[in-house]
Amino acid sequence: MPKVLPVTRGRKFTQVLEGARSVFLRDGFEGASVDDIAREAGVSKATLYSYFPDKRLMFIEVFRAELARDSTDISALIEVDLRIEQVLPFIVQMISAHLISDLGVRVFRVSVGEAERFPALAREYYEGGPARLRDQLIQYFQRCVERGELAIADFELAAEQLIELASVSVHHRALFLGSETVDKDSLRRVNRGAVQMFLSCYGVVDPENATPAGRLRVT
């Protein structure tokens, strides 16, 4: 394995990291120049190199910092003691809002664009983002099945399907046209449709109301 050079942390480290973050998220690894990063950070190239011996190391540090900020954590929601049809709309809203957020879009673009050059970082993005969210959903769905609210044979598939339903049209629109092009009405329509479609497939009849969960009105 190639030797990993150390990162020096000092008084202007955060300033350098923020400058690098702006340039890398805007231009990617290949398009970012050290001159641009130094100018964005407001430091000299000598100061830049005193913290990061090379651009590759700088990119890894920036990307890992972004991964720590860019996550969808639904753990608090899935612990709420309410029926699935009451909790699911909020879960879907969190997923779709994250997918079209400015940070979410930028990190996704960079992750995909640099996956071949930085395969280990691409794996970190997948395991810390999509895979982690999927696993949280699986745990929640398993509890819902135990309570008799859902009927699911393939939990992994069901979790992946919900994530995809929450992203229908809005994720691609945000990726190609910008997050600002997704309005609230479109997002509400996608969220509502995602919940209704998921519950119509996996929902179990509510014994109190004798109503299929998938047909409950979602607002």
N, C-alpha and C. Protein backbone atom coordinates (compact mmCIF):
# COMPACT_ATOMS: atom_id res chain seq x y z
N MET A 1 0.84 -1.20 0.00
CA MET A 1 0.00 0.00 0.00
C MET A 1 0.87 1.24 0.00
N PRO A 2 0.46 2.34 -0.71
CA PRO A 2 1.24 3.55 -0.72
C PRO A 2 1.25 4.19 0.66
N LYS A 3 2.35 4.81 1.01
CA LYS A 3 2.49 5.47 2.29
C LYS A 3 1.56 6.67 2.37
N VAL A 4 0.82 6.77 3.49
CA VAL A 4 -0.10 7.89 3.69
C VAL A 4 0.62 9.01 4.40
N LEU A 5 0.65 10.16 3.78
CA LEU A 5 1.33 11.30 4.37
C LEU A 5 0.48 11.91 5.47
N PRO A 6 1.13 12.41 6.53
CA PRO A 6 0.36 12.96 7.65
C PRO A 6 -0.26 14.31 7.32
N VAL A 7 -1.38 14.61 8.00
CA VAL A 7 -2.03 15.91 7.87
C VAL A 7 -1.67 16.74 9.09
N THR A 8 -1.13 17.92 8.86
CA THR A 8 -0.76 18.82 9.95
C THR A 8 -1.95 19.70 10.30
N ARG A 9 -2.25 19.82 11.57
CA ARG A 9 -3.35 20.68 12.01
C ARG A 9 -2.78 21.86 12.77
N GLY A 10 -3.22 23.05 12.39
CA GLY A 10 -2.73 24.25 13.03
C GLY A 10 -3.75 25.35 13.01
N ARG A 11 -3.32 26.59 13.20
CA ARG A 11 -4.22 27.73 13.37
C ARG A 11 -5.13 27.95 12.16
N LYS A 12 -4.62 27.74 10.94
CA LYS A 12 -5.41 28.00 9.74
C LYS A 12 -5.96 26.74 9.08
N PHE A 13 -5.92 25.62 9.81
CA PHE A 13 -6.35 24.36 9.23
C PHE A 13 -7.81 24.42 8.77
N THR A 14 -8.70 24.91 9.65
CA THR A 14 -10.12 24.99 9.31
C THR A 14 -10.35 25.91 8.13
N GLN A 15 -9.62 27.01 8.09
CA GLN A 15 -9.74 27.97 6.99
C GLN A 15 -9.34 27.32 5.66
N VAL A 16 -8.26 26.56 5.68
CA VAL A 16 -7.80 25.85 4.49
C VAL A 16 -8.82 24.78 4.07
N LEU A 17 -9.34 24.05 5.05
CA LEU A 17 -10.30 22.99 4.76
C LEU A 17 -11.58 23.54 4.14
N GLU A 18 -12.04 24.69 4.64
CA GLU A 18 -13.26 25.30 4.10
C GLU A 18 -13.05 25.77 2.66
N GLY A 19 -11.87 26.33 2.40
CA GLY A 19 -11.56 26.75 1.03
C GLY A 19 -11.51 25.57 0.09
N ALA A 20 -10.86 24.49 0.54
CA ALA A 20 -10.77 23.27 -0.27
C ALA A 20 -12.16 22.68 -0.49
N ARG A 21 -12.99 22.72 0.54
CA ARG A 21 -14.35 22.18 0.43
C ARG A 21 -15.13 22.90 -0.67
N SER A 22 -15.09 24.20 -0.66
CA SER A 22 -15.82 24.99 -1.66
C SER A 22 -15.39 24.64 -3.08
N VAL A 23 -14.09 24.51 -3.28
CA VAL A 23 -13.57 24.26 -4.63
C VAL A 23 -13.82 22.81 -5.06
N PHE A 24 -13.59 21.86 -4.16
CA PHE A 24 -13.79 20.46 -4.52
C PHE A 24 -15.25 20.14 -4.82
N LEU A 25 -16.17 20.68 -4.01
CA LEU A 25 -17.58 20.42 -4.24
C LEU A 25 -18.09 21.11 -5.50
N ARG A 26 -17.41 22.16 -5.90
CA ARG A 26 -17.81 22.88 -7.11
C ARG A 26 -17.18 22.28 -8.36
N ASP A 27 -15.87 21.93 -8.28
CA ASP A 27 -15.12 21.54 -9.47
C ASP A 27 -14.69 20.08 -9.51
N GLY A 28 -14.90 19.34 -8.41
CA GLY A 28 -14.41 17.97 -8.36
C GLY A 28 -12.91 17.93 -8.15
N PHE A 29 -12.35 16.71 -8.07
CA PHE A 29 -10.92 16.58 -7.80
C PHE A 29 -10.08 17.06 -8.98
N GLU A 30 -10.39 16.59 -10.18
CA GLU A 30 -9.59 16.91 -11.34
C GLU A 30 -9.66 18.39 -11.69
N GLY A 31 -10.84 18.98 -11.55
CA GLY A 31 -11.00 20.38 -11.93
C GLY A 31 -10.48 21.37 -10.92
N ALA A 32 -10.22 20.91 -9.70
CA ALA A 32 -9.74 21.83 -8.65
C ALA A 32 -8.23 22.03 -8.76
N SER A 33 -7.82 23.27 -8.76
CA SER A 33 -6.37 23.56 -8.77
C SER A 33 -5.94 24.05 -7.39
N VAL A 34 -4.69 23.82 -7.08
CA VAL A 34 -4.15 24.28 -5.79
C VAL A 34 -4.22 25.80 -5.71
N ASP A 35 -4.00 26.47 -6.83
CA ASP A 35 -4.08 27.93 -6.85
C ASP A 35 -5.50 28.40 -6.48
N ASP A 36 -6.51 27.74 -7.04
CA ASP A 36 -7.90 28.11 -6.74
C ASP A 36 -8.21 27.87 -5.26
N ILE A 37 -7.73 26.76 -4.74
CA ILE A 37 -8.00 26.43 -3.34
C ILE A 37 -7.34 27.44 -2.41
N ALA A 38 -6.08 27.78 -2.70
CA ALA A 38 -5.38 28.76 -1.87
C ALA A 38 -6.08 30.11 -1.92
N ARG A 39 -6.53 30.51 -3.11
CA ARG A 39 -7.24 31.78 -3.26
C ARG A 39 -8.57 31.77 -2.50
N GLU A 40 -9.31 30.66 -2.61
CA GLU A 40 -10.59 30.53 -1.92
C GLU A 40 -10.40 30.55 -0.40
N ALA A 41 -9.33 29.93 0.07
CA ALA A 41 -9.06 29.86 1.51
C ALA A 41 -8.43 31.14 2.04
N GLY A 42 -7.90 31.97 1.14
CA GLY A 42 -7.26 33.21 1.57
C GLY A 42 -5.91 32.98 2.21
N VAL A 43 -5.18 31.96 1.71
CA VAL A 43 -3.85 31.66 2.24
C VAL A 43 -2.88 31.51 1.08
N SER A 44 -1.59 31.46 1.40
CA SER A 44 -0.59 31.23 0.37
C SER A 44 -0.49 29.74 0.06
N LYS A 45 0.10 29.43 -1.08
CA LYS A 45 0.29 28.03 -1.43
C LYS A 45 1.24 27.35 -0.44
N ALA A 46 2.18 28.10 0.08
CA ALA A 46 3.12 27.54 1.07
C ALA A 46 2.36 27.13 2.33
N THR A 47 1.40 27.98 2.75
CA THR A 47 0.58 27.64 3.92
C THR A 47 -0.27 26.41 3.62
N LEU A 48 -0.83 26.35 2.42
CA LEU A 48 -1.66 25.22 2.01
C LEU A 48 -0.86 23.92 2.11
N TYR A 49 0.34 23.93 1.55
CA TYR A 49 1.16 22.72 1.54
C TYR A 49 1.68 22.37 2.93
N SER A 50 1.73 23.34 3.82
CA SER A 50 2.17 23.04 5.19
C SER A 50 1.15 22.19 5.93
N TYR A 51 -0.11 22.27 5.48
CA TYR A 51 -1.17 21.45 6.09
C TYR A 51 -1.40 20.16 5.30
N PHE A 52 -1.39 20.28 3.98
CA PHE A 52 -1.65 19.13 3.12
C PHE A 52 -0.52 18.98 2.11
N PRO A 53 0.30 17.93 2.25
CA PRO A 53 1.43 17.74 1.33
C PRO A 53 1.02 17.56 -0.13
N ASP A 54 -0.20 17.07 -0.38
CA ASP A 54 -0.63 16.94 -1.77
C ASP A 54 -2.14 17.09 -1.87
N LYS A 55 -2.61 17.33 -3.08
CA LYS A 55 -4.04 17.59 -3.32
C LYS A 55 -4.90 16.38 -3.00
N ARG A 56 -4.39 15.20 -3.27
CA ARG A 56 -5.15 13.97 -3.02
C ARG A 56 -5.51 13.83 -1.55
N LEU A 57 -4.53 14.08 -0.69
CA LEU A 57 -4.75 14.00 0.75
C LEU A 57 -5.78 15.04 1.20
N MET A 58 -5.71 16.22 0.59
CA MET A 58 -6.66 17.29 0.90
C MET A 58 -8.08 16.87 0.53
N PHE A 59 -8.23 16.25 -0.63
CA PHE A 59 -9.55 15.81 -1.08
C PHE A 59 -10.13 14.77 -0.12
N ILE A 60 -9.32 13.81 0.29
CA ILE A 60 -9.77 12.77 1.21
C ILE A 60 -10.25 13.38 2.52
N GLU A 61 -9.51 14.34 3.04
CA GLU A 61 -9.89 15.00 4.30
C GLU A 61 -11.20 15.75 4.15
N VAL A 62 -11.35 16.48 3.06
CA VAL A 62 -12.58 17.24 2.80
C VAL A 62 -13.77 16.29 2.64
N PHE A 63 -13.59 15.24 1.85
CA PHE A 63 -14.69 14.34 1.56
C PHE A 63 -15.16 13.63 2.83
N ARG A 64 -14.24 13.20 3.66
CA ARG A 64 -14.64 12.52 4.91
C ARG A 64 -15.35 13.47 5.85
N ALA A 65 -14.95 14.72 5.86
CA ALA A 65 -15.65 15.72 6.68
C ALA A 65 -17.07 15.92 6.17
N GLU A 66 -17.24 15.90 4.84
CA GLU A 66 -18.58 16.06 4.26
C GLU A 66 -19.46 14.84 4.56
N LEU A 67 -18.88 13.67 4.54
CA LEU A 67 -19.65 12.47 4.85
C LEU A 67 -20.21 12.53 6.26
N ALA A 68 -19.44 13.10 7.18
CA ALA A 68 -19.90 13.21 8.56
C ALA A 68 -21.08 14.18 8.67
N ARG A 69 -21.14 15.16 7.78
CA ARG A 69 -22.23 16.16 7.79
C ARG A 69 -23.42 15.72 6.97
N ASP A 70 -23.18 14.89 5.96
CA ASP A 70 -24.21 14.54 4.99
C ASP A 70 -24.78 13.16 5.29
N SER A 71 -25.78 13.10 6.14
CA SER A 71 -26.39 11.81 6.47
C SER A 71 -27.86 12.00 6.81
N THR A 72 -28.63 10.97 6.56
CA THR A 72 -30.04 10.98 6.93
C THR A 72 -30.22 10.02 8.09
N ASP A 73 -30.42 10.56 9.28
CA ASP A 73 -30.56 9.74 10.48
C ASP A 73 -32.02 9.72 10.92
N ILE A 74 -32.67 8.58 10.73
CA ILE A 74 -34.09 8.47 11.09
C ILE A 74 -34.28 7.71 12.40
N SER A 75 -33.19 7.52 13.15
CA SER A 75 -33.25 6.70 14.36
C SER A 75 -34.27 7.23 15.36
N ALA A 76 -34.37 8.55 15.50
CA ALA A 76 -35.33 9.12 16.45
C ALA A 76 -36.77 8.85 16.01
N LEU A 77 -37.02 8.97 14.71
CA LEU A 77 -38.37 8.75 14.20
C LEU A 77 -38.82 7.30 14.35
N ILE A 78 -37.92 6.36 14.08
CA ILE A 78 -38.33 4.97 14.09
C ILE A 78 -38.53 4.43 15.50
N GLU A 79 -38.16 5.21 16.51
CA GLU A 79 -38.39 4.79 17.89
C GLU A 79 -39.74 5.30 18.40
N VAL A 80 -40.40 6.16 17.64
CA VAL A 80 -41.68 6.72 18.06
C VAL A 80 -42.75 5.62 18.11
N ASP A 81 -43.54 5.59 19.18
CA ASP A 81 -44.54 4.54 19.37
C ASP A 81 -45.87 4.94 18.73
N LEU A 82 -45.87 5.00 17.41
CA LEU A 82 -47.07 5.30 16.64
C LEU A 82 -47.18 4.30 15.50
N ARG A 83 -48.37 4.19 14.91
CA ARG A 83 -48.55 3.27 13.81
C ARG A 83 -47.77 3.71 12.57
N ILE A 84 -47.48 2.75 11.72
CA ILE A 84 -46.67 2.98 10.53
C ILE A 84 -47.19 4.12 9.66
N GLU A 85 -48.53 4.20 9.48
CA GLU A 85 -49.07 5.22 8.59
C GLU A 85 -48.93 6.63 9.17
N GLN A 86 -48.66 6.73 10.48
CA GLN A 86 -48.44 8.04 11.10
C GLN A 86 -46.97 8.45 11.04
N VAL A 87 -46.09 7.48 11.07
CA VAL A 87 -44.65 7.76 11.10
C VAL A 87 -44.05 7.84 9.69
N LEU A 88 -44.54 6.98 8.80
CA LEU A 88 -43.94 6.87 7.46
C LEU A 88 -43.88 8.19 6.69
N PRO A 89 -44.93 9.04 6.73
CA PRO A 89 -44.83 10.31 5.98
C PRO A 89 -43.63 11.16 6.41
N PHE A 90 -43.30 11.15 7.69
CA PHE A 90 -42.17 11.94 8.18
C PHE A 90 -40.84 11.32 7.75
N ILE A 91 -40.78 9.99 7.74
CA ILE A 91 -39.57 9.32 7.27
C ILE A 91 -39.31 9.66 5.80
N VAL A 92 -40.36 9.56 5.00
CA VAL A 92 -40.24 9.86 3.56
C VAL A 92 -39.83 11.31 3.34
N GLN A 93 -40.41 12.21 4.10
CA GLN A 93 -40.05 13.63 3.98
C GLN A 93 -38.57 13.86 4.27
N MET A 94 -38.06 13.19 5.32
CA MET A 94 -36.65 13.34 5.66
C MET A 94 -35.76 12.82 4.54
N ILE A 95 -36.13 11.68 3.96
CA ILE A 95 -35.31 11.10 2.89
C ILE A 95 -35.29 12.01 1.66
N SER A 96 -36.46 12.43 1.22
CA SER A 96 -36.53 13.25 0.01
C SER A 96 -35.88 14.62 0.22
N ALA A 97 -36.08 15.20 1.41
CA ALA A 97 -35.47 16.51 1.69
C ALA A 97 -33.95 16.43 1.65
N HIS A 98 -33.42 15.33 2.17
CA HIS A 98 -31.96 15.16 2.14
C HIS A 98 -31.46 14.97 0.71
N LEU A 99 -32.19 14.17 -0.07
CA LEU A 99 -31.75 13.89 -1.44
C LEU A 99 -31.68 15.14 -2.32
N ILE A 100 -32.56 16.11 -2.06
CA ILE A 100 -32.57 17.31 -2.91
C ILE A 100 -31.87 18.50 -2.24
N SER A 101 -31.33 18.30 -1.03
CA SER A 101 -30.63 19.40 -0.37
C SER A 101 -29.38 19.76 -1.14
N ASP A 102 -28.94 20.98 -1.02
CA ASP A 102 -27.75 21.44 -1.73
C ASP A 102 -26.54 20.59 -1.36
N LEU A 103 -26.37 20.32 -0.06
CA LEU A 103 -25.24 19.50 0.38
C LEU A 103 -25.37 18.08 -0.13
N GLY A 104 -26.57 17.50 -0.02
CA GLY A 104 -26.78 16.14 -0.49
C GLY A 104 -26.47 15.98 -1.96
N VAL A 105 -26.90 16.93 -2.76
CA VAL A 105 -26.67 16.89 -4.21
C VAL A 105 -25.18 17.02 -4.52
N ARG A 106 -24.51 17.95 -3.87
CA ARG A 106 -23.08 18.17 -4.14
C ARG A 106 -22.24 16.95 -3.77
N VAL A 107 -22.50 16.39 -2.61
CA VAL A 107 -21.73 15.22 -2.17
C VAL A 107 -22.01 14.02 -3.07
N PHE A 108 -23.26 13.86 -3.49
CA PHE A 108 -23.60 12.76 -4.40
C PHE A 108 -22.84 12.91 -5.72
N ARG A 109 -22.85 14.11 -6.28
CA ARG A 109 -22.16 14.34 -7.55
C ARG A 109 -20.68 14.01 -7.45
N VAL A 110 -20.05 14.51 -6.38
CA VAL A 110 -18.61 14.28 -6.21
C VAL A 110 -18.34 12.80 -5.98
N SER A 111 -19.19 12.13 -5.19
CA SER A 111 -19.01 10.70 -4.90
C SER A 111 -19.03 9.88 -6.17
N VAL A 112 -20.01 10.14 -7.02
CA VAL A 112 -20.14 9.40 -8.27
C VAL A 112 -19.00 9.76 -9.23
N GLY A 113 -18.72 11.05 -9.32
CA GLY A 113 -17.69 11.51 -10.25
C GLY A 113 -16.30 11.02 -9.91
N GLU A 114 -16.01 10.82 -8.62
CA GLU A 114 -14.66 10.42 -8.21
C GLU A 114 -14.59 8.97 -7.74
N ALA A 115 -15.65 8.19 -7.96
CA ALA A 115 -15.69 6.81 -7.46
C ALA A 115 -14.56 5.95 -8.01
N GLU A 116 -14.22 6.14 -9.29
CA GLU A 116 -13.16 5.33 -9.90
C GLU A 116 -11.80 5.72 -9.35
N ARG A 117 -11.59 7.01 -9.11
CA ARG A 117 -10.29 7.48 -8.62
C ARG A 117 -10.13 7.21 -7.12
N PHE A 118 -11.25 7.25 -6.38
CA PHE A 118 -11.21 7.05 -4.94
C PHE A 118 -12.23 5.97 -4.54
N PRO A 119 -11.99 4.71 -4.90
CA PRO A 119 -12.97 3.65 -4.60
C PRO A 119 -13.23 3.46 -3.11
N ALA A 120 -12.22 3.64 -2.28
CA ALA A 120 -12.42 3.46 -0.84
C ALA A 120 -13.36 4.53 -0.29
N LEU A 121 -13.23 5.76 -0.79
CA LEU A 121 -14.12 6.83 -0.35
C LEU A 121 -15.55 6.60 -0.86
N ALA A 122 -15.66 6.07 -2.08
CA ALA A 122 -16.98 5.76 -2.62
C ALA A 122 -17.67 4.72 -1.75
N ARG A 123 -16.91 3.73 -1.28
CA ARG A 123 -17.48 2.72 -0.38
C ARG A 123 -17.90 3.35 0.94
N GLU A 124 -17.08 4.26 1.45
CA GLU A 124 -17.44 4.95 2.69
C GLU A 124 -18.73 5.74 2.52
N TYR A 125 -18.87 6.38 1.37
CA TYR A 125 -20.11 7.14 1.10
C TYR A 125 -21.30 6.19 1.10
N TYR A 126 -21.17 5.06 0.42
CA TYR A 126 -22.28 4.11 0.32
C TYR A 126 -22.63 3.52 1.68
N GLU A 127 -21.61 3.09 2.41
CA GLU A 127 -21.87 2.43 3.70
C GLU A 127 -22.37 3.41 4.76
N GLY A 128 -21.90 4.65 4.71
CA GLY A 128 -22.33 5.63 5.70
C GLY A 128 -23.60 6.36 5.33
N GLY A 129 -24.02 6.23 4.05
CA GLY A 129 -25.22 6.93 3.60
C GLY A 129 -26.34 5.97 3.22
N PRO A 130 -26.43 5.57 1.93
CA PRO A 130 -27.52 4.71 1.48
C PRO A 130 -27.65 3.40 2.25
N ALA A 131 -26.53 2.72 2.53
CA ALA A 131 -26.60 1.43 3.22
C ALA A 131 -27.04 1.60 4.67
N ARG A 132 -26.57 2.66 5.31
CA ARG A 132 -26.95 2.91 6.71
C ARG A 132 -28.44 3.23 6.81
N LEU A 133 -28.94 4.06 5.89
CA LEU A 133 -30.36 4.39 5.87
C LEU A 133 -31.19 3.13 5.62
N ARG A 134 -30.76 2.30 4.67
CA ARG A 134 -31.46 1.06 4.37
C ARG A 134 -31.54 0.17 5.61
N ASP A 135 -30.44 0.05 6.35
CA ASP A 135 -30.41 -0.81 7.53
C ASP A 135 -31.33 -0.27 8.63
N GLN A 136 -31.40 1.06 8.77
CA GLN A 136 -32.32 1.65 9.75
C GLN A 136 -33.77 1.33 9.39
N LEU A 137 -34.08 1.44 8.10
CA LEU A 137 -35.43 1.13 7.65
C LEU A 137 -35.77 -0.35 7.86
N ILE A 138 -34.82 -1.22 7.60
CA ILE A 138 -35.05 -2.65 7.80
C ILE A 138 -35.40 -2.94 9.25
N GLN A 139 -34.66 -2.35 10.18
CA GLN A 139 -34.93 -2.56 11.61
C GLN A 139 -36.34 -2.08 11.96
N TYR A 140 -36.71 -0.93 11.40
CA TYR A 140 -38.04 -0.40 11.69
C TYR A 140 -39.13 -1.28 11.09
N PHE A 141 -38.95 -1.70 9.86
CA PHE A 141 -39.95 -2.55 9.21
C PHE A 141 -40.12 -3.88 9.94
N GLN A 142 -39.03 -4.41 10.45
CA GLN A 142 -39.11 -5.67 11.20
C GLN A 142 -40.00 -5.51 12.44
N ARG A 143 -39.87 -4.38 13.12
CA ARG A 143 -40.72 -4.13 14.29
C ARG A 143 -42.17 -3.95 13.86
N CYS A 144 -42.38 -3.28 12.72
CA CYS A 144 -43.76 -3.09 12.23
C CYS A 144 -44.41 -4.43 11.86
N VAL A 145 -43.62 -5.33 11.30
CA VAL A 145 -44.14 -6.66 10.97
C VAL A 145 -44.50 -7.41 12.26
N GLU A 146 -43.64 -7.30 13.27
CA GLU A 146 -43.92 -7.96 14.56
C GLU A 146 -45.20 -7.42 15.20
N ARG A 147 -45.49 -6.14 14.96
CA ARG A 147 -46.70 -5.53 15.52
C ARG A 147 -47.92 -5.80 14.64
N GLY A 148 -47.71 -6.43 13.50
CA GLY A 148 -48.82 -6.74 12.61
C GLY A 148 -49.26 -5.59 11.73
N GLU A 149 -48.39 -4.58 11.54
CA GLU A 149 -48.74 -3.41 10.73
C GLU A 149 -48.30 -3.54 9.27
N LEU A 150 -47.27 -4.35 9.03
CA LEU A 150 -46.75 -4.57 7.68
C LEU A 150 -46.61 -6.06 7.43
N ALA A 151 -46.67 -6.43 6.16
CA ALA A 151 -46.40 -7.81 5.75
C ALA A 151 -45.30 -7.75 4.70
N ILE A 152 -44.07 -8.11 5.08
CA ILE A 152 -42.90 -7.98 4.20
C ILE A 152 -42.12 -9.29 4.21
N ALA A 153 -41.83 -9.81 3.03
CA ALA A 153 -41.02 -11.03 2.92
C ALA A 153 -39.55 -10.67 2.73
N ASP A 154 -39.27 -9.62 1.95
CA ASP A 154 -37.89 -9.21 1.64
C ASP A 154 -37.68 -7.81 2.19
N PHE A 155 -37.11 -7.73 3.38
CA PHE A 155 -36.95 -6.44 4.05
C PHE A 155 -35.97 -5.51 3.33
N GLU A 156 -34.90 -6.07 2.81
CA GLU A 156 -33.92 -5.24 2.11
C GLU A 156 -34.55 -4.61 0.87
N LEU A 157 -35.30 -5.40 0.12
CA LEU A 157 -35.96 -4.88 -1.08
C LEU A 157 -36.97 -3.80 -0.71
N ALA A 158 -37.75 -4.03 0.33
CA ALA A 158 -38.76 -3.05 0.75
C ALA A 158 -38.11 -1.73 1.14
N ALA A 159 -36.99 -1.80 1.86
CA ALA A 159 -36.28 -0.59 2.28
C ALA A 159 -35.75 0.17 1.08
N GLU A 160 -35.14 -0.55 0.13
CA GLU A 160 -34.61 0.08 -1.08
C GLU A 160 -35.75 0.71 -1.89
N GLN A 161 -36.89 0.03 -1.94
CA GLN A 161 -38.02 0.55 -2.70
C GLN A 161 -38.53 1.86 -2.11
N LEU A 162 -38.61 1.94 -0.78
CA LEU A 162 -39.09 3.17 -0.16
C LEU A 162 -38.16 4.34 -0.47
N ILE A 163 -36.85 4.10 -0.41
CA ILE A 163 -35.88 5.15 -0.71
C ILE A 163 -36.05 5.63 -2.15
N GLU A 164 -36.25 4.68 -3.06
CA GLU A 164 -36.44 5.05 -4.47
C GLU A 164 -37.75 5.81 -4.67
N LEU A 165 -38.80 5.38 -3.99
CA LEU A 165 -40.09 6.07 -4.11
C LEU A 165 -39.98 7.51 -3.62
N ALA A 166 -39.19 7.73 -2.58
CA ALA A 166 -39.01 9.08 -2.03
C ALA A 166 -38.19 9.98 -2.95
N SER A 167 -37.49 9.35 -3.91
CA SER A 167 -36.61 10.14 -4.79
C SER A 167 -37.18 10.35 -6.18
N VAL A 168 -38.32 9.72 -6.48
CA VAL A 168 -38.89 9.75 -7.83
C VAL A 168 -38.98 11.18 -8.37
N SER A 169 -38.38 11.43 -9.48
CA SER A 169 -38.36 12.70 -10.23
C SER A 169 -37.62 13.83 -9.53
N VAL A 170 -37.78 13.96 -8.21
CA VAL A 170 -37.19 15.12 -7.53
C VAL A 170 -35.67 15.01 -7.41
N HIS A 171 -35.14 13.79 -7.23
CA HIS A 171 -33.69 13.66 -7.09
C HIS A 171 -32.99 13.99 -8.40
N HIS A 172 -33.47 13.43 -9.49
CA HIS A 172 -32.86 13.72 -10.79
C HIS A 172 -33.00 15.20 -11.15
N ARG A 173 -34.13 15.76 -10.83
CA ARG A 173 -34.33 17.19 -11.13
C ARG A 173 -33.31 18.04 -10.36
N ALA A 174 -33.13 17.71 -9.08
CA ALA A 174 -32.17 18.46 -8.26
C ALA A 174 -30.74 18.26 -8.78
N LEU A 175 -30.42 17.04 -9.21
CA LEU A 175 -29.07 16.75 -9.69
C LEU A 175 -28.74 17.51 -10.96
N PHE A 176 -29.68 17.53 -11.91
CA PHE A 176 -29.40 18.10 -13.22
C PHE A 176 -29.76 19.58 -13.34
N LEU A 177 -30.78 20.00 -12.60
CA LEU A 177 -31.26 21.38 -12.74
C LEU A 177 -31.04 22.23 -11.49
N GLY A 178 -30.67 21.61 -10.39
CA GLY A 178 -30.43 22.36 -9.16
C GLY A 178 -31.54 22.17 -8.14
N SER A 179 -31.18 22.18 -6.87
CA SER A 179 -32.14 21.95 -5.79
C SER A 179 -33.28 22.96 -5.79
N GLU A 180 -32.98 24.18 -6.21
CA GLU A 180 -33.99 25.25 -6.18
C GLU A 180 -35.12 25.01 -7.18
N THR A 181 -34.95 24.08 -8.11
CA THR A 181 -36.00 23.82 -9.10
C THR A 181 -37.08 22.87 -8.59
N VAL A 182 -36.86 22.29 -7.41
CA VAL A 182 -37.86 21.39 -6.81
C VAL A 182 -38.72 22.20 -5.85
N ASP A 183 -39.97 22.45 -6.22
CA ASP A 183 -40.83 23.26 -5.35
C ASP A 183 -41.53 22.39 -4.31
N LYS A 184 -42.15 23.05 -3.33
CA LYS A 184 -42.77 22.34 -2.22
C LYS A 184 -43.95 21.48 -2.67
N ASP A 185 -44.71 21.96 -3.64
CA ASP A 185 -45.85 21.18 -4.12
C ASP A 185 -45.41 19.88 -4.77
N SER A 186 -44.34 19.94 -5.57
CA SER A 186 -43.83 18.72 -6.20
C SER A 186 -43.32 17.74 -5.15
N LEU A 187 -42.64 18.27 -4.16
CA LEU A 187 -42.10 17.42 -3.10
C LEU A 187 -43.23 16.76 -2.31
N ARG A 188 -44.27 17.54 -2.01
CA ARG A 188 -45.42 16.98 -1.28
C ARG A 188 -46.10 15.88 -2.08
N ARG A 189 -46.24 16.09 -3.39
CA ARG A 189 -46.89 15.10 -4.25
C ARG A 189 -46.09 13.80 -4.29
N VAL A 190 -44.77 13.92 -4.39
CA VAL A 190 -43.91 12.74 -4.41
C VAL A 190 -43.96 12.01 -3.07
N ASN A 191 -43.90 12.77 -1.97
CA ASN A 191 -43.94 12.17 -0.64
C ASN A 191 -45.25 11.43 -0.40
N ARG A 192 -46.35 12.08 -0.78
CA ARG A 192 -47.66 11.48 -0.58
C ARG A 192 -47.79 10.19 -1.41
N GLY A 193 -47.35 10.24 -2.65
CA GLY A 193 -47.42 9.07 -3.51
C GLY A 193 -46.55 7.93 -3.01
N ALA A 194 -45.36 8.28 -2.47
CA ALA A 194 -44.45 7.26 -1.96
C ALA A 194 -45.07 6.50 -0.79
N VAL A 195 -45.68 7.25 0.13
CA VAL A 195 -46.32 6.63 1.31
C VAL A 195 -47.49 5.75 0.87
N GLN A 196 -48.34 6.28 0.02
CA GLN A 196 -49.52 5.53 -0.41
C GLN A 196 -49.14 4.27 -1.16
N MET A 197 -48.16 4.35 -2.05
CA MET A 197 -47.76 3.18 -2.83
C MET A 197 -47.12 2.12 -1.94
N PHE A 198 -46.26 2.56 -1.00
CA PHE A 198 -45.60 1.60 -0.11
C PHE A 198 -46.62 0.88 0.77
N LEU A 199 -47.55 1.64 1.35
CA LEU A 199 -48.54 1.02 2.23
C LEU A 199 -49.55 0.17 1.47
N SER A 200 -49.84 0.53 0.23
CA SER A 200 -50.77 -0.28 -0.56
C SER A 200 -50.16 -1.63 -0.88
N CYS A 201 -48.82 -1.69 -0.92
CA CYS A 201 -48.13 -2.95 -1.20
C CYS A 201 -47.88 -3.76 0.07
N TYR A 202 -47.44 -3.10 1.14
CA TYR A 202 -47.01 -3.82 2.33
C TYR A 202 -47.91 -3.62 3.56
N GLY A 203 -48.85 -2.69 3.49
CA GLY A 203 -49.68 -2.40 4.65
C GLY A 203 -50.66 -3.53 4.97
N VAL A 204 -50.93 -3.71 6.26
CA VAL A 204 -51.88 -4.72 6.74
C VAL A 204 -53.14 -4.00 7.21
N VAL A 205 -54.29 -4.64 7.06
CA VAL A 205 -55.56 -4.04 7.46
C VAL A 205 -55.52 -3.65 8.93
N ASP A 206 -55.94 -2.41 9.20
CA ASP A 206 -56.04 -1.91 10.57
C ASP A 206 -57.24 -2.60 11.23
N PRO A 207 -57.02 -3.42 12.28
CA PRO A 207 -58.13 -4.15 12.89
C PRO A 207 -59.19 -3.26 13.52
N GLU A 208 -58.82 -2.06 13.93
CA GLU A 208 -59.79 -1.16 14.57
C GLU A 208 -60.70 -0.51 13.54
N ASN A 209 -60.12 -0.12 12.39
CA ASN A 209 -60.91 0.58 11.37
C ASN A 209 -61.27 -0.30 10.18
N ALA A 210 -60.72 -1.50 10.16
CA ALA A 210 -60.95 -2.43 9.04
C ALA A 210 -60.67 -1.76 7.71
N THR A 211 -59.61 -0.95 7.67
CA THR A 211 -59.23 -0.21 6.47
C THR A 211 -57.81 -0.57 6.08
N PRO A 212 -57.57 -0.96 4.83
CA PRO A 212 -56.19 -1.22 4.42
C PRO A 212 -55.33 0.01 4.66
N ALA A 213 -54.20 -0.17 5.33
CA ALA A 213 -53.34 0.96 5.67
C ALA A 213 -52.97 1.78 4.46
N GLY A 214 -52.79 1.10 3.32
CA GLY A 214 -52.38 1.80 2.11
C GLY A 214 -53.42 2.75 1.58
N ARG A 215 -54.67 2.62 2.04
CA ARG A 215 -55.72 3.50 1.53
C ARG A 215 -56.04 4.64 2.48
N LEU A 216 -55.29 4.70 3.60
CA LEU A 216 -55.54 5.80 4.52
C LEU A 216 -55.11 7.10 3.86
N ARG A 217 -55.80 8.15 4.16
CA ARG A 217 -55.50 9.44 3.55
C ARG A 217 -54.22 10.01 4.14
N VAL A 218 -53.24 10.31 3.30
CA VAL A 218 -51.97 10.84 3.74
C VAL A 218 -51.92 12.31 3.38
N THR A 219 -51.70 13.19 4.36
CA THR A 219 -51.67 14.63 4.10
C THR A 219 -50.27 15.15 4.15
